[in-house]
N, C-alpha and C. Protein backbone atom coordinates (compact mmCIF):
# COMPACT_ATOMS: atom_id res chain seq x y z
N MET A 1 79.26 124.05 129.71
CA MET A 1 80.44 123.69 128.94
C MET A 1 80.04 123.54 127.47
N SER A 2 80.76 124.21 126.59
CA SER A 2 80.43 124.17 125.17
C SER A 2 81.14 122.99 124.49
N ALA A 3 80.52 122.54 123.41
CA ALA A 3 81.09 121.42 122.67
C ALA A 3 82.26 121.90 121.82
N THR A 4 83.23 121.05 121.67
CA THR A 4 84.40 121.39 120.86
C THR A 4 84.10 121.08 119.39
N PRO A 5 84.83 121.69 118.47
CA PRO A 5 84.61 121.37 117.05
C PRO A 5 84.83 119.90 116.73
N LEU A 6 85.79 119.27 117.39
CA LEU A 6 86.03 117.85 117.16
C LEU A 6 84.84 117.02 117.59
N HIS A 7 84.24 117.39 118.72
CA HIS A 7 83.06 116.67 119.19
C HIS A 7 81.89 116.85 118.23
N ASP A 8 81.74 118.05 117.66
CA ASP A 8 80.68 118.29 116.68
C ASP A 8 80.87 117.42 115.44
N ILE A 9 82.11 117.29 114.98
CA ILE A 9 82.40 116.44 113.82
C ILE A 9 82.09 114.98 114.15
N TRP A 10 82.47 114.56 115.35
CA TRP A 10 82.21 113.19 115.79
C TRP A 10 80.71 112.90 115.79
N GLU A 11 79.93 113.79 116.32
CA GLU A 11 78.49 113.60 116.38
C GLU A 11 77.86 113.63 114.99
N ALA A 12 78.36 114.49 114.11
CA ALA A 12 77.81 114.60 112.75
C ALA A 12 78.11 113.35 111.93
N SER A 13 79.24 112.71 112.19
CA SER A 13 79.61 111.53 111.41
C SER A 13 79.04 110.23 111.98
N ALA A 14 78.30 110.30 113.05
CA ALA A 14 77.76 109.09 113.67
C ALA A 14 76.76 108.37 112.76
N SER A 15 76.09 109.12 111.91
CA SER A 15 75.10 108.50 111.02
C SER A 15 75.71 108.02 109.70
N GLN A 16 77.00 108.21 109.52
CA GLN A 16 77.67 107.79 108.28
C GLN A 16 78.74 106.76 108.62
N PRO A 17 78.40 105.48 108.57
CA PRO A 17 79.40 104.47 108.93
C PRO A 17 80.51 104.39 107.88
N PHE A 18 81.69 103.95 108.32
CA PHE A 18 82.83 103.80 107.42
C PHE A 18 82.64 102.57 106.56
N LEU A 19 82.76 102.75 105.25
CA LEU A 19 82.68 101.63 104.31
C LEU A 19 84.00 101.55 103.56
N PRO A 20 84.78 100.50 103.79
CA PRO A 20 86.08 100.39 103.11
C PRO A 20 85.90 100.16 101.61
N SER A 21 86.91 100.56 100.85
CA SER A 21 86.83 100.39 99.40
C SER A 21 86.91 98.92 99.00
N ILE A 22 87.59 98.11 99.78
CA ILE A 22 87.66 96.65 99.56
C ILE A 22 87.10 95.98 100.79
N GLY A 23 86.02 95.25 100.61
CA GLY A 23 85.32 94.63 101.73
C GLY A 23 86.12 93.53 102.40
N LYS A 24 85.67 93.15 103.57
CA LYS A 24 86.35 92.13 104.36
C LYS A 24 86.41 90.80 103.63
N SER A 25 85.38 90.45 102.88
CA SER A 25 85.36 89.16 102.20
C SER A 25 86.31 89.09 101.01
N ALA A 26 86.74 90.24 100.48
CA ALA A 26 87.62 90.25 99.31
C ALA A 26 89.08 90.55 99.67
N GLN A 27 89.36 90.81 100.93
CA GLN A 27 90.72 91.20 101.30
C GLN A 27 91.74 90.11 101.05
N PHE A 28 91.39 88.86 101.34
CA PHE A 28 92.36 87.79 101.13
C PHE A 28 92.66 87.60 99.65
N THR A 29 91.64 87.66 98.82
CA THR A 29 91.84 87.50 97.37
C THR A 29 92.71 88.61 96.81
N VAL A 30 92.42 89.84 97.21
CA VAL A 30 93.21 90.98 96.74
C VAL A 30 94.65 90.87 97.24
N GLY A 31 94.81 90.52 98.51
CA GLY A 31 96.15 90.39 99.08
C GLY A 31 96.96 89.28 98.44
N PHE A 32 96.34 88.13 98.23
CA PHE A 32 97.04 87.02 97.60
C PHE A 32 97.43 87.35 96.16
N THR A 33 96.53 88.04 95.45
CA THR A 33 96.83 88.45 94.07
C THR A 33 98.01 89.41 94.04
N LEU A 34 98.00 90.38 94.94
CA LEU A 34 99.11 91.34 94.99
C LEU A 34 100.42 90.66 95.36
N LEU A 35 100.39 89.71 96.28
CA LEU A 35 101.61 88.99 96.64
C LEU A 35 102.11 88.13 95.49
N SER A 36 101.20 87.54 94.73
CA SER A 36 101.61 86.76 93.56
C SER A 36 102.26 87.64 92.50
N ILE A 37 101.68 88.81 92.27
CA ILE A 37 102.26 89.76 91.32
C ILE A 37 103.63 90.21 91.80
N ALA A 38 103.77 90.42 93.11
CA ALA A 38 105.05 90.84 93.67
C ALA A 38 106.13 89.79 93.45
N VAL A 39 105.78 88.52 93.64
CA VAL A 39 106.75 87.44 93.43
C VAL A 39 107.16 87.37 91.97
N LEU A 40 106.19 87.51 91.07
CA LEU A 40 106.49 87.48 89.64
C LEU A 40 107.40 88.65 89.24
N LEU A 41 107.07 89.85 89.68
CA LEU A 41 107.88 91.02 89.33
C LEU A 41 109.27 90.96 89.96
N THR A 42 109.35 90.42 91.17
CA THR A 42 110.66 90.27 91.82
C THR A 42 111.53 89.30 91.04
N GLY A 43 110.94 88.22 90.57
CA GLY A 43 111.69 87.26 89.75
C GLY A 43 112.16 87.87 88.45
N LEU A 44 111.30 88.66 87.80
CA LEU A 44 111.70 89.32 86.57
C LEU A 44 112.81 90.34 86.81
N PHE A 45 112.71 91.05 87.92
CA PHE A 45 113.76 92.01 88.25
C PHE A 45 115.07 91.30 88.55
N GLY A 46 115.00 90.16 89.21
CA GLY A 46 116.22 89.40 89.50
C GLY A 46 116.89 88.86 88.26
N LEU A 47 116.09 88.50 87.25
CA LEU A 47 116.65 88.00 86.00
C LEU A 47 117.22 89.13 85.13
N ASN A 48 116.62 90.30 85.21
CA ASN A 48 117.03 91.45 84.41
C ASN A 48 117.49 92.58 85.32
N ASN A 49 118.50 92.33 86.11
CA ASN A 49 118.93 93.25 87.15
C ASN A 49 119.77 94.40 86.58
N THR A 50 119.08 95.40 86.07
CA THR A 50 119.75 96.63 85.63
C THR A 50 119.03 97.82 86.24
N LEU A 51 119.68 98.94 86.23
CA LEU A 51 119.11 100.14 86.84
C LEU A 51 117.88 100.62 86.08
N LYS A 52 117.83 100.41 84.77
CA LYS A 52 116.67 100.85 84.01
C LYS A 52 115.43 100.02 84.30
N ASN A 53 115.60 98.82 84.83
CA ASN A 53 114.46 97.97 85.17
C ASN A 53 113.93 98.23 86.58
N LEU A 54 114.59 99.08 87.33
CA LEU A 54 114.14 99.37 88.68
C LEU A 54 112.73 99.97 88.70
N PRO A 55 112.45 101.02 87.92
CA PRO A 55 111.07 101.54 87.95
C PRO A 55 110.08 100.62 87.26
N LEU A 56 110.55 99.75 86.37
CA LEU A 56 109.66 98.86 85.64
C LEU A 56 109.25 97.64 86.47
N TYR A 57 110.18 97.07 87.21
CA TYR A 57 109.91 95.86 87.99
C TYR A 57 110.05 96.07 89.51
N GLY A 58 111.08 96.78 89.92
CA GLY A 58 111.38 96.88 91.35
C GLY A 58 110.35 97.66 92.14
N LEU A 59 110.00 98.83 91.66
CA LEU A 59 109.04 99.67 92.38
C LEU A 59 107.64 99.04 92.44
N PRO A 60 107.09 98.56 91.32
CA PRO A 60 105.78 97.89 91.43
C PRO A 60 105.83 96.63 92.30
N ALA A 61 106.95 95.90 92.28
CA ALA A 61 107.05 94.70 93.11
C ALA A 61 107.02 95.06 94.59
N SER A 62 107.73 96.11 94.97
CA SER A 62 107.76 96.48 96.39
C SER A 62 106.41 97.03 96.84
N LEU A 63 105.73 97.78 95.99
CA LEU A 63 104.40 98.28 96.34
C LEU A 63 103.38 97.14 96.44
N ALA A 64 103.44 96.22 95.48
CA ALA A 64 102.52 95.07 95.52
C ALA A 64 102.76 94.22 96.75
N PHE A 65 104.02 94.03 97.12
CA PHE A 65 104.32 93.23 98.32
C PHE A 65 103.83 93.95 99.58
N GLY A 66 104.06 95.25 99.66
CA GLY A 66 103.65 95.99 100.85
C GLY A 66 102.15 95.97 101.05
N PHE A 67 101.39 96.34 100.01
CA PHE A 67 99.95 96.36 100.13
C PHE A 67 99.38 94.95 100.25
N GLY A 68 99.95 94.00 99.52
CA GLY A 68 99.47 92.62 99.60
C GLY A 68 99.67 92.03 100.98
N ALA A 69 100.81 92.31 101.58
CA ALA A 69 101.06 91.79 102.93
C ALA A 69 100.07 92.36 103.94
N VAL A 70 99.78 93.64 103.84
CA VAL A 70 98.83 94.26 104.76
C VAL A 70 97.44 93.68 104.56
N TYR A 71 97.02 93.50 103.31
CA TYR A 71 95.68 92.93 103.06
C TYR A 71 95.59 91.50 103.58
N VAL A 72 96.60 90.69 103.37
CA VAL A 72 96.55 89.31 103.85
C VAL A 72 96.57 89.28 105.38
N ILE A 73 97.38 90.11 105.99
CA ILE A 73 97.43 90.16 107.45
C ILE A 73 96.08 90.57 108.02
N CYS A 74 95.43 91.57 107.41
CA CYS A 74 94.12 91.99 107.88
C CYS A 74 93.06 90.92 107.60
N ALA A 75 93.17 90.20 106.48
CA ALA A 75 92.19 89.19 106.14
C ALA A 75 92.19 88.01 107.09
N VAL A 76 93.35 87.68 107.65
CA VAL A 76 93.41 86.54 108.57
C VAL A 76 93.17 86.96 110.01
N GLY A 77 92.94 88.24 110.25
CA GLY A 77 92.53 88.68 111.57
C GLY A 77 93.57 89.35 112.42
N VAL A 78 94.74 89.62 111.89
CA VAL A 78 95.77 90.34 112.65
C VAL A 78 95.74 91.77 112.17
N TYR A 79 95.27 92.68 113.01
CA TYR A 79 95.11 94.06 112.58
C TYR A 79 96.37 94.86 112.89
N VAL A 80 96.81 95.62 111.89
CA VAL A 80 98.02 96.45 112.02
C VAL A 80 97.65 97.90 112.12
């Protein structure tokens, strides 16, 4: 039985462990910072609620909340 290409890739990558760009010890700090930025930007968007402020405050706030929530969830041990 011959090896499949996927199996060859699996075997070749065995000597290269995955290293995340943000380590486990920094995930909570990064997540909390992103959530704080999201709250600040959401408040600014709520005070200046116009369509022109959507890309300035709304989009960065939603991205910061999304990534911050995932980092905090992973930092406390709940994997998504």
